[in-house]
C-alpha atoms as a PDB file:
ATOM      1  CA  MET A   1       0.000   0.000   0.000  1.00  0.00           C
ATOM      2  CA  ILE A   2       1.340   3.420  -0.945  1.00  0.00           C
ATOM      3  CA  SER A   3       2.184   5.984   1.727  1.00  0.00           C
ATOM      4  CA  THR A   4      -0.005   8.965   2.562  1.00  0.00           C
ATOM      5  CA  SER A   5       2.571  11.215   0.968  1.00  0.00           C
ATOM      6  CA  GLU A   6       2.464   9.264  -2.284  1.00  0.00           C
ATOM      7  CA  LEU A   7      -1.334   9.221  -2.098  1.00  0.00           C
ATOM      8  CA  ARG A   8      -1.329  13.021  -2.030  1.00  0.00           C
ATOM      9  CA  THR A   9       1.069  13.069  -4.962  1.00  0.00           C
ATOM     10  CA  GLN A  10      -1.267  10.839  -6.947  1.00  0.00           C
ATOM     11  CA  PHE A  11      -4.219  13.068  -6.066  1.00  0.00           C
ATOM     12  CA  LEU A  12      -2.368  16.150  -7.307  1.00  0.00           C
ATOM     13  CA  GLN A  13      -1.373  14.390 -10.533  1.00  0.00           C
ATOM     14  CA  ILE A  14      -4.967  13.416 -11.257  1.00  0.00           C
ATOM     15  CA  GLN A  15      -6.070  16.940 -10.363  1.00  0.00           C
ATOM     16  CA  GLU A  16      -3.554  18.434 -12.796  1.00  0.00           C
ATOM     17  CA  GLU A  17      -4.805  16.138 -15.531  1.00  0.00           C
ATOM     18  CA  GLY A  18      -8.348  17.288 -14.762  1.00  0.00           C
ATOM     19  CA  ARG A  19      -7.220  20.913 -14.903  1.00  0.00           C
ATOM     20  CA  GLN A  20      -5.739  20.449 -18.355  1.00  0.00           C
ATOM     21  CA  LEU A  21      -8.782  18.581 -19.640  1.00  0.00           C
ATOM     22  CA  ALA A  22     -11.161  21.243 -18.287  1.00  0.00           C
ATOM     23  CA  GLY A  23      -9.561  23.738 -20.660  1.00  0.00           C
ATOM     24  CA  GLY A  24      -9.939  27.500 -20.554  1.00  0.00           C
ATOM     25  CA  LEU A  25     -12.865  29.632 -19.496  1.00  0.00           C
ATOM     26  CA  ASN A  26     -14.649  29.384 -22.839  1.00  0.00           C
ATOM     27  CA  ASP A  27     -14.014  25.683 -23.518  1.00  0.00           C
ATOM     28  CA  LEU A  28     -17.543  24.685 -22.531  1.00  0.00           C
ATOM     29  CA  ALA A  29     -17.866  21.970 -25.192  1.00  0.00           C
ATOM     30  CA  GLN A  30     -14.588  20.422 -24.071  1.00  0.00           C
ATOM     31  CA  ARG A  31     -15.769  20.352 -20.473  1.00  0.00           C
ATOM     32  CA  ALA A  32     -19.068  18.813 -21.556  1.00  0.00           C
ATOM     33  CA  ALA A  33     -17.112  16.001 -23.226  1.00  0.00           C
ATOM     34  CA  VAL A  34     -15.087  15.465 -20.040  1.00  0.00           C
ATOM     35  CA  TYR A  35     -18.252  15.392 -17.964  1.00  0.00           C
ATOM     36  CA  HIS A  36     -19.826  12.874 -20.328  1.00  0.00           C
ATOM     37  CA  HIS A  37     -16.697  10.705 -20.148  1.00  0.00           C
ATOM     38  CA  LEU A  38     -17.148  10.436 -16.366  1.00  0.00           C
ATOM     39  CA  PHE A  39     -20.776   9.435 -16.789  1.00  0.00           C
ATOM     40  CA  GLU A  40     -19.895   6.880 -19.458  1.00  0.00           C
ATOM     41  CA  ASP A  41     -16.853   5.510 -17.614  1.00  0.00           C
ATOM     42  CA  SER A  42     -18.986   4.930 -14.522  1.00  0.00           C
ATOM     43  CA  GLY A  43     -21.210   2.486 -16.363  1.00  0.00           C
ATOM     44  CA  ARG A  44     -23.751   5.342 -16.564  1.00  0.00           C
ATOM     45  CA  ASN A  45     -24.196   5.260 -12.784  1.00  0.00           C
ATOM     46  CA  HIS A  46     -22.653   8.661 -11.968  1.00  0.00           C
ATOM     47  CA  ILE A  47     -25.354  11.146 -12.954  1.00  0.00           C
ATOM     48  CA  PHE A  48     -23.878  14.383 -11.633  1.00  0.00           C
ATOM     49  CA  PRO A  49     -21.450  14.832 -14.560  1.00  0.00           C
ATOM     50  CA  LEU A  50     -24.169  14.079 -17.116  1.00  0.00           C
ATOM     51  CA  ILE A  51     -26.372  16.850 -15.768  1.00  0.00           C
ATOM     52  CA  ALA A  52     -23.311  19.084 -15.367  1.00  0.00           C
ATOM     53  CA  ALA A  53     -22.670  18.598 -19.101  1.00  0.00           C
ATOM     54  CA  HIS A  54     -26.121  20.010 -19.775  1.00  0.00           C
ATOM     55  CA  GLY A  55     -25.319  22.904 -17.467  1.00  0.00           C
ATOM     56  CA  ALA A  56     -22.087  23.678 -19.299  1.00  0.00           C
ATOM     57  CA  LEU A  57     -23.737  23.658 -22.723  1.00  0.00           C
ATOM     58  CA  TRP A  58     -26.807  25.608 -21.599  1.00  0.00           C
ATOM     59  CA  ALA A  59     -24.547  28.265 -20.085  1.00  0.00           C
ATOM     60  CA  ARG A  60     -23.013  29.020 -23.478  1.00  0.00           C
ATOM     61  CA  GLY A  61     -26.299  30.416 -24.767  1.00  0.00           C
ATOM     62  CA  TYR A  62     -27.041  32.145 -21.481  1.00  0.00           C
ATOM     63  CA  PHE A  63     -23.720  33.998 -21.462  1.00  0.00           C
ATOM     64  CA  LYS A  64     -24.243  35.073 -25.079  1.00  0.00           C
ATOM     65  CA  PHE A  65     -27.705  36.421 -24.312  1.00  0.00           C
ATOM     66  CA  GLY A  66     -26.439  38.150 -21.170  1.00  0.00           C
ATOM     67  CA  MET A  67     -23.735  40.019 -23.055  1.00  0.00           C
ATOM     68  CA  GLN A  68     -26.194  41.126 -25.736  1.00  0.00           C
ATOM     69  CA  LEU A  69     -28.572  42.418 -23.076  1.00  0.00           C
ATOM     70  CA  SER A  70     -25.738  44.185 -21.254  1.00  0.00           C
ATOM     71  CA  HIS A  71     -24.656  45.980 -24.414  1.00  0.00           C
ATOM     72  CA  LEU A  72     -28.219  47.219 -24.805  1.00  0.00           C
ATOM     73  CA  PHE A  73     -28.416  48.512 -21.225  1.00  0.00           C
ATOM     74  CA  SER A  74     -24.966  50.063 -21.457  1.00  0.00           C
ATOM     75  CA  TRP A  75     -26.264  52.758 -23.777  1.00  0.00           C
ATOM     76  CA  GLN A  76     -27.660  54.573 -20.747  1.00  0.00           C
ATOM     77  CA  TYR A  77     -24.046  55.719 -20.415  1.00  0.00           C
ATOM     78  CA  PHE A  78     -23.855  56.982 -24.009  1.00  0.00           C
ATOM     79  CA  ASP A  79     -22.357  60.250 -22.784  1.00  0.00           C
ATOM     80  CA  SER A  80     -19.379  58.493 -21.152  1.00  0.00           C
ATOM     81  CA  SER A  81     -17.583  55.832 -23.152  1.00  0.00           C
ATOM     82  CA  SER A  82     -15.265  55.076 -20.228  1.00  0.00           C
ATOM     83  CA  LYS A  83     -18.179  54.443 -17.853  1.00  0.00           C
ATOM     84  CA  ARG A  84     -19.944  52.320 -20.469  1.00  0.00           C
ATOM     85  CA  GLN A  85     -16.838  50.240 -21.013  1.00  0.00           C
ATOM     86  CA  ALA A  86     -16.266  49.856 -17.273  1.00  0.00           C
ATOM     87  CA  HIS A  87     -19.781  48.456 -16.804  1.00  0.00           C
ATOM     88  CA  LEU A  88     -19.399  46.059 -19.722  1.00  0.00           C
ATOM     89  CA  GLU A  89     -16.121  44.835 -18.234  1.00  0.00           C
ATOM     90  CA  GLN A  90     -17.941  44.150 -14.976  1.00  0.00           C
ATOM     91  CA  VAL A  91     -20.446  41.995 -16.847  1.00  0.00           C
ATOM     92  CA  GLU A  92     -17.655  40.109 -18.610  1.00  0.00           C
ATOM     93  CA  ASN A  93     -15.868  39.577 -15.285  1.00  0.00           C
ATOM     94  CA  PHE A  94     -19.099  38.291 -13.753  1.00  0.00           C
ATOM     95  CA  ALA A  95     -19.637  35.879 -16.654  1.00  0.00           C
ATOM     96  CA  ASN A  96     -16.012  34.753 -16.420  1.00  0.00           C
ATOM     97  CA  ALA A  97     -16.456  34.072 -12.714  1.00  0.00           C
ATOM     98  CA  PHE A  98     -19.293  31.673 -13.559  1.00  0.00           C
ATOM     99  CA  ARG A  99     -17.286  30.092 -16.369  1.00  0.00           C
ATOM    100  CA  ASP A 100     -14.479  29.581 -13.871  1.00  0.00           C
ATOM    101  CA  ILE A 101     -16.885  27.946 -11.422  1.00  0.00           C
ATOM    102  CA  ASN A 102     -17.923  25.514 -14.153  1.00  0.00           C
ATOM    103  CA  ARG A 103     -14.260  24.855 -14.891  1.00  0.00           C
ATOM    104  CA  LYS A 104     -13.397  24.261 -11.226  1.00  0.00           C
ATOM    105  CA  VAL A 105     -16.348  21.920 -10.758  1.00  0.00           C
ATOM    106  CA  CYS A 106     -15.209  19.950 -13.811  1.00  0.00           C
ATOM    107  CA  ILE A 107     -11.709  19.635 -12.346  1.00  0.00           C
ATOM    108  CA  ASP A 108     -13.119  18.553  -8.987  1.00  0.00           C
ATOM    109  CA  THR A 109     -15.491  16.032 -10.529  1.00  0.00           C
ATOM    110  CA  TYR A 110     -12.754  14.475 -12.666  1.00  0.00           C
ATOM    111  CA  THR A 111     -10.288  14.364  -9.758  1.00  0.00           C
ATOM    112  CA  GLN A 112     -12.671  12.899  -7.195  1.00  0.00           C
ATOM    113  CA  TYR A 113     -13.990  10.274  -9.578  1.00  0.00           C
ATOM    114  CA  HIS A 114     -10.656   8.979 -10.851  1.00  0.00           C
ATOM    115  CA  PHE A 115      -8.910   9.292  -7.488  1.00  0.00           C
ATOM    116  CA  THR A 116     -11.535   7.195  -5.706  1.00  0.00           C
ATOM    117  CA  LYS A 117     -11.604   4.746  -8.610  1.00  0.00           C
ATOM    118  CA  ARG A 118      -7.891   4.105  -8.134  1.00  0.00           C
ATOM    119  CA  PHE A 119      -7.342   4.761  -4.430  1.00  0.00           C
ATOM    120  CA  GLY A 120     -10.760   4.838  -2.774  1.00  0.00           C
ATOM    121  CA  ASN A 121      -9.932   1.817  -0.607  1.00  0.00           C
ATOM    122  CA  HIS A 122      -6.845   3.462   0.855  1.00  0.00           C
ATOM    123  CA  PRO A 123      -7.442   4.205   4.576  1.00  0.00           C
ATOM    124  CA  ASP A 124      -6.317   7.820   4.092  1.00  0.00           C
ATOM    125  CA  ALA A 125      -8.432   8.544   1.000  1.00  0.00           C
ATOM    126  CA  ASN A 126     -10.986  10.427   3.098  1.00  0.00           C
ATOM    127  CA  GLN A 127      -8.325  12.985   3.917  1.00  0.00           C
ATOM    128  CA  LEU A 128      -8.435  14.105   0.309  1.00  0.00           C
ATOM    129  CA  VAL A 129     -12.077  13.540  -0.643  1.00  0.00           C
ATOM    130  CA  ASN A 130     -15.130  14.405   1.442  1.00  0.00           C
ATOM    131  CA  PRO A 131     -16.013  11.155   3.309  1.00  0.00           C
ATOM    132  CA  ARG A 132     -19.676  11.156   2.282  1.00  0.00           C
ATOM    133  CA  LEU A 133     -18.759  11.793  -1.334  1.00  0.00           C
ATOM    134  CA  ALA A 134     -16.011   9.168  -1.258  1.00  0.00           C
ATOM    135  CA  GLN A 135     -18.458   6.573   0.059  1.00  0.00           C
ATOM    136  CA  ALA A 136     -20.982   7.472  -2.642  1.00  0.00           C
ATOM    137  CA  LEU A 137     -18.371   7.240  -5.400  1.00  0.00           C
ATOM    138  CA  MET A 138     -17.158   3.889  -4.110  1.00  0.00           C
ATOM    139  CA  ALA A 139     -20.712   2.590  -4.544  1.00  0.00           C
ATOM    140  CA  VAL A 140     -20.502   3.743  -8.172  1.00  0.00           C
ATOM    141  CA  HIS A 141     -17.155   2.027  -8.714  1.00  0.00           C
ATOM    142  CA  GLN A 142     -18.341  -1.188  -7.089  1.00  0.00           C
ATOM    143  CA  ALA A 143     -21.453  -1.306  -9.258  1.00  0.00           C
ATOM    144  CA  ASN A 144     -19.368  -0.616 -12.353  1.00  0.00           C
ATOM    145  CA  GLN A 145     -16.916  -3.384 -11.495  1.00  0.00           C
ATOM    146  CA  GLN A 146     -19.827  -5.759 -11.069  1.00  0.00           C
ATOM    147  CA  GLN A 147     -21.348  -4.497 -14.337  1.00  0.00           C
ATOM    148  CA  THR A 148     -24.580  -3.637 -12.589  1.00  0.00           C
ATOM    149  CA  GLU A 149     -26.699  -0.515 -12.788  1.00  0.00           C
ATOM    150  CA  LEU A 150     -27.629   1.326  -9.635  1.00  0.00           C
ATOM    151  CA  LEU A 151     -31.267   1.949  -8.866  1.00  0.00           C
ATOM    152  CA  ASP A 152     -32.425   5.501  -9.531  1.00  0.00           C
ATOM    153  CA  SER A 153     -32.745   6.039  -5.785  1.00  0.00           C
ATOM    154  CA  GLN A 154     -29.088   5.020  -5.371  1.00  0.00           C
ATOM    155  CA  LYS A 155     -28.028   7.231  -8.262  1.00  0.00           C
ATOM    156  CA  ARG A 156     -29.833  10.109  -6.585  1.00  0.00           C
ATOM    157  CA  ASP A 157     -27.937   9.495  -3.331  1.00  0.00           C
ATOM    158  CA  VAL A 158     -24.635   9.718  -5.228  1.00  0.00           C
ATOM    159  CA  TYR A 159     -25.789  12.799  -7.130  1.00  0.00           C
ATOM    160  CA  GLU A 160     -26.899  14.530  -3.936  1.00  0.00           C
ATOM    161  CA  ALA A 161     -23.625  13.769  -2.153  1.00  0.00           C
ATOM    162  CA  HIS A 162     -21.662  15.235  -5.049  1.00  0.00           C
ATOM    163  CA  PHE A 163     -23.964  18.208  -5.607  1.00  0.00           C
ATOM    164  CA  LEU A 164     -24.028  19.242  -1.954  1.00  0.00           C
ATOM    165  CA  ASN A 165     -20.268  18.892  -1.638  1.00  0.00           C
ATOM    166  CA  GLU A 166     -19.736  21.201  -4.626  1.00  0.00           C
ATOM    167  CA  GLN A 167     -22.180  23.758  -3.263  1.00  0.00           C
ATOM    168  CA  ASP A 168     -20.410  23.835   0.093  1.00  0.00           C
ATOM    169  CA  ALA A 169     -16.797  23.604  -0.988  1.00  0.00           C
ATOM    170  CA  MET A 170     -16.700  25.367  -4.333  1.00  0.00           C
ATOM    171  CA  VAL A 171     -19.827  26.853  -5.890  1.00  0.00           C
ATOM    172  CA  GLY A 172     -21.255  28.728  -2.915  1.00  0.00           C
ATOM    173  CA  PRO A 173     -18.119  30.671  -1.913  1.00  0.00           C
ATOM    174  CA  CYS A 174     -17.262  31.506  -5.544  1.00  0.00           C
ATOM    175  CA  ILE A 175     -20.757  32.789  -6.312  1.00  0.00           C
ATOM    176  CA  GLU A 176     -20.765  34.918  -3.169  1.00  0.00           C
ATOM    177  CA  GLN A 177     -17.506  36.550  -4.239  1.00  0.00           C
ATOM    178  CA  ALA A 178     -18.700  37.086  -7.818  1.00  0.00           C
ATOM    179  CA  VAL A 179     -21.908  38.729  -6.626  1.00  0.00           C
ATOM    180  CA  THR A 180     -19.994  40.973  -4.215  1.00  0.00           C
ATOM    181  CA  ASP A 181     -17.661  42.123  -6.998  1.00  0.00           C
ATOM    182  CA  PHE A 182     -20.500  42.899  -9.449  1.00  0.00           C
ATOM    183  CA  ARG A 183     -21.450  46.550  -9.037  1.00  0.00           C
ATOM    184  CA  TRP A 184     -23.997  47.225 -11.780  1.00  0.00           C
ATOM    185  CA  PRO A 185     -27.257  46.885  -9.797  1.00  0.00           C
ATOM    186  CA  LEU A 186     -29.715  46.569 -12.691  1.00  0.00           C
ATOM    187  CA  VAL A 187     -27.815  43.954 -14.697  1.00  0.00           C
ATOM    188  CA  LYS A 188     -26.774  42.178 -11.511  1.00  0.00           C
ATOM    189  CA  TRP A 189     -30.436  41.876 -10.496  1.00  0.00           C
ATOM    190  CA  ILE A 190     -31.345  40.444 -13.898  1.00  0.00           C
ATOM    191  CA  SER A 191     -28.348  38.104 -14.008  1.00  0.00           C
ATOM    192  CA  LEU A 192     -29.336  36.478 -10.725  1.00  0.00           C
ATOM    193  CA  LYS A 193     -32.769  35.555 -12.119  1.00  0.00           C
ATOM    194  CA  PRO A 194     -31.859  33.195 -14.957  1.00  0.00           C
ATOM    195  CA  LEU A 195     -34.457  31.184 -16.824  1.00  0.00           C
ATOM    196  CA  VAL A 196     -32.925  27.708 -16.992  1.00  0.00           C
ATOM    197  CA  ARG A 197     -34.178  25.067 -19.382  1.00  0.00           C
ATOM    198  CA  PHE A 198     -31.973  22.064 -20.023  1.00  0.00           C
ATOM    199  CA  ALA A 199     -32.587  20.191 -23.261  1.00  0.00           C
ATOM    200  CA  TYR A 200     -34.095  17.158 -21.555  1.00  0.00           C
ATOM    201  CA  PHE A 201     -36.716  19.127 -19.626  1.00  0.00           C
ATOM    202  CA  PRO A 202     -40.295  18.237 -20.634  1.00  0.00           C
ATOM    203  CA  ALA A 203     -42.102  20.731 -22.842  1.00  0.00           C
ATOM    204  CA  GLY A 204     -43.005  23.871 -20.954  1.00  0.00           C
ATOM    205  CA  LYS A 205     -40.775  23.043 -17.964  1.00  0.00           C
ATOM    206  CA  PHE A 206     -38.094  25.455 -16.823  1.00  0.00           C
ATOM    207  CA  PHE A 207     -36.491  26.851 -13.673  1.00  0.00           C
ATOM    208  CA  TRP A 208     -36.850  30.568 -13.121  1.00  0.00           C
ATOM    209  CA  PHE A 209     -34.598  31.506 -10.237  1.00  0.00           C
ATOM    210  CA  HIS A 210     -35.678  34.177  -7.780  1.00  0.00           C
ATOM    211  CA  ASN A 211     -32.072  34.636  -6.687  1.00  0.00           C
ATOM    212  CA  PHE A 212     -29.329  32.400  -8.049  1.00  0.00           C
ATOM    213  CA  SER A 213     -27.017  33.439  -5.225  1.00  0.00           C
ATOM    214  CA  ASN A 214     -29.384  31.750  -2.754  1.00  0.00           C
ATOM    215  CA  LYS A 215     -27.769  28.431  -1.861  1.00  0.00           C
ATOM    216  CA  GLN A 216     -30.966  26.687  -0.807  1.00  0.00           C
ATOM    217  CA  GLU A 217     -32.687  27.639  -4.054  1.00  0.00           C
ATOM    218  CA  ARG A 218     -29.769  26.248  -6.057  1.00  0.00           C
ATOM    219  CA  ILE A 219     -29.932  23.012  -4.086  1.00  0.00           C
ATOM    220  CA  THR A 220     -33.688  22.668  -4.543  1.00  0.00           C
ATOM    221  CA  ARG A 221     -33.434  23.284  -8.294  1.00  0.00           C
ATOM    222  CA  GLY A 222     -30.391  21.046  -8.630  1.00  0.00           C
ATOM    223  CA  LEU A 223     -32.115  18.082  -7.025  1.00  0.00           C
ATOM    224  CA  LYS A 224     -35.200  18.725  -9.130  1.00  0.00           C
ATOM    225  CA  ALA A 225     -32.994  18.595 -12.241  1.00  0.00           C
ATOM    226  CA  PHE A 226     -32.079  15.032 -11.261  1.00  0.00           C
ATOM    227  CA  ASP A 227     -35.704  14.067 -10.653  1.00  0.00           C
ATOM    228  CA  LEU A 228     -36.739  15.379 -14.075  1.00  0.00           C
ATOM    229  CA  ALA A 229     -33.877  13.487 -15.689  1.00  0.00           C
ATOM    230  CA  ALA A 230     -34.862  10.244 -13.983  1.00  0.00           C
ATOM    231  CA  LYS A 231     -38.439  10.744 -15.142  1.00  0.00           C
ATOM    232  CA  VAL A 232     -37.621  11.240 -18.829  1.00  0.00           C
ATOM    233  CA  GLY A 233     -34.979   8.483 -18.816  1.00  0.00           C
ATOM    234  CA  TRP A 234     -31.190   8.486 -18.865  1.00  0.00           C
ATOM    235  CA  LYS A 235     -30.948   7.599 -22.549  1.00  0.00           C
ATOM    236  CA  GLN A 236     -33.015  10.632 -23.489  1.00  0.00           C
ATOM    237  CA  VAL A 237     -30.983  12.860 -21.164  1.00  0.00           C
ATOM    238  CA  GLU A 238     -27.786  11.675 -22.827  1.00  0.00           C
ATOM    239  CA  GLN A 239     -29.065  11.941 -26.387  1.00  0.00           C
ATOM    240  CA  SER A 240     -30.468  15.419 -25.844  1.00  0.00           C
ATOM    241  CA  LEU A 241     -26.941  16.826 -25.521  1.00  0.00           C
ATOM    242  CA  ASP A 242     -27.106  17.300 -29.289  1.00  0.00           C
ATOM    243  CA  HIS A 243     -29.861  19.901 -28.831  1.00  0.00           C
ATOM    244  CA  TYR A 244     -27.332  22.608 -27.972  1.00  0.00           C
ATOM    245  CA  GLN A 245     -25.511  22.109 -31.315  1.00  0.00           C
ATOM    246  CA  VAL A 246     -22.131  22.621 -29.652  1.00  0.00           C
ATOM    247  CA  LEU A 247     -20.536  19.183 -29.383  1.00  0.00           C
ATOM    248  CA  PRO A 248     -18.864  17.929 -32.596  1.00  0.00           C
ATOM    249  CA  GLU A 249     -20.404  15.238 -34.765  1.00  0.00           C
ATOM    250  CA  GLU A 250     -17.720  12.707 -33.831  1.00  0.00           C
ATOM    251  CA  PHE A 251     -18.877  12.885 -30.210  1.00  0.00           C
ATOM    252  CA  PHE A 252     -22.262  11.491 -31.178  1.00  0.00           C
ATOM    253  CA  VAL A 253     -20.726   8.864 -33.457  1.00  0.00           C
ATOM    254  CA  ASN A 254     -18.441   7.475 -30.734  1.00  0.00           C
ATOM    255  CA  SER A 255     -18.282   9.472 -27.501  1.00  0.00           C
ATOM    256  CA  ALA A 256     -15.727   7.173 -25.872  1.00  0.00           C
ATOM    257  CA  GLN A 257     -13.291   7.497 -28.792  1.00  0.00           C
ATOM    258  CA  HIS A 258     -13.916  11.240 -28.916  1.00  0.00           C
ATOM    259  CA  PHE A 259     -12.724  11.531 -25.334  1.00  0.00           C
ATOM    260  CA  VAL A 260      -9.688   9.321 -25.984  1.00  0.00           C
ATOM    261  CA  ASP A 261      -8.723  11.597 -28.878  1.00  0.00           C
ATOM    262  CA  LEU A 262      -9.413  14.729 -26.847  1.00  0.00           C
ATOM    263  CA  ARG A 263      -7.402  13.478 -23.892  1.00  0.00           C
ATOM    264  CA  GLY A 264      -4.470  12.558 -26.087  1.00  0.00           C
ATOM    265  CA  GLU A 265      -4.507  15.916 -27.828  1.00  0.00           C
ATOM    266  CA  VAL A 266      -4.809  17.954 -24.650  1.00  0.00           C
ATOM    267  CA  LEU A 267      -2.324  16.071 -22.504  1.00  0.00           C
ATOM    268  CA  VAL A 268       0.293  15.779 -25.226  1.00  0.00           C
ATOM    269  CA  GLY A 269       0.014  19.515 -25.706  1.00  0.00           C
ATOM    270  CA  HIS A 270       0.860  20.099 -22.037  1.00  0.00           C
ATOM    271  CA  ARG A 271       3.914  17.844 -21.849  1.00  0.00           C
END
């Protein structure tokens, strides 16, 4: 059995690989492919990354719309180009903060999954991964090794453990900071009330947030996103990734090979 020191080294190596694969702020399609890889590699038992892939692809359109709306509102400062530009930069910084959250969550998800897959049985693994999350991921790995599919109730337990951990450790603090730094009241107010509709949602179903910075509202909506996915079926949730028209055609031909090619290209480029 490897030492605790070596265990930490392995964790950091997997984390660095996840960081490279997550790409830059605007590489949403790349992150969606990484998320899907985790879902596929888990024997389709790990649902959090599948829904996170929808989140990454949906966000692309949301950010585009937000910038268009901001440019429209910025004309209230037509008499001061410097003030107009300063406000637009605030919007871009706010959007980048959310892109960075998506990137960090992708890195975390990749690291936690592959670390527990390789070292989850190590007695010191819980020092590096939240114990509840580690236990949930080990249930995923065990089911995958046995080539069995978890019940939807079990998948939800894993999803909830992962989702809550991200909200506590990563998403919540980052959103709080982004909101604090955003000083354009009108656009800030609008930005925190997104209308969210993932591609797999039933017709007419959407989430309209009252305040996206509210942690409990995010949790409620996030768990509901799982319940809707379970209701429509995992195959439909997976197939509906093509709705966003962002992922390349080769992804839908052979998603596993697409990730192998992507991983090879990205990691070779960082050596």
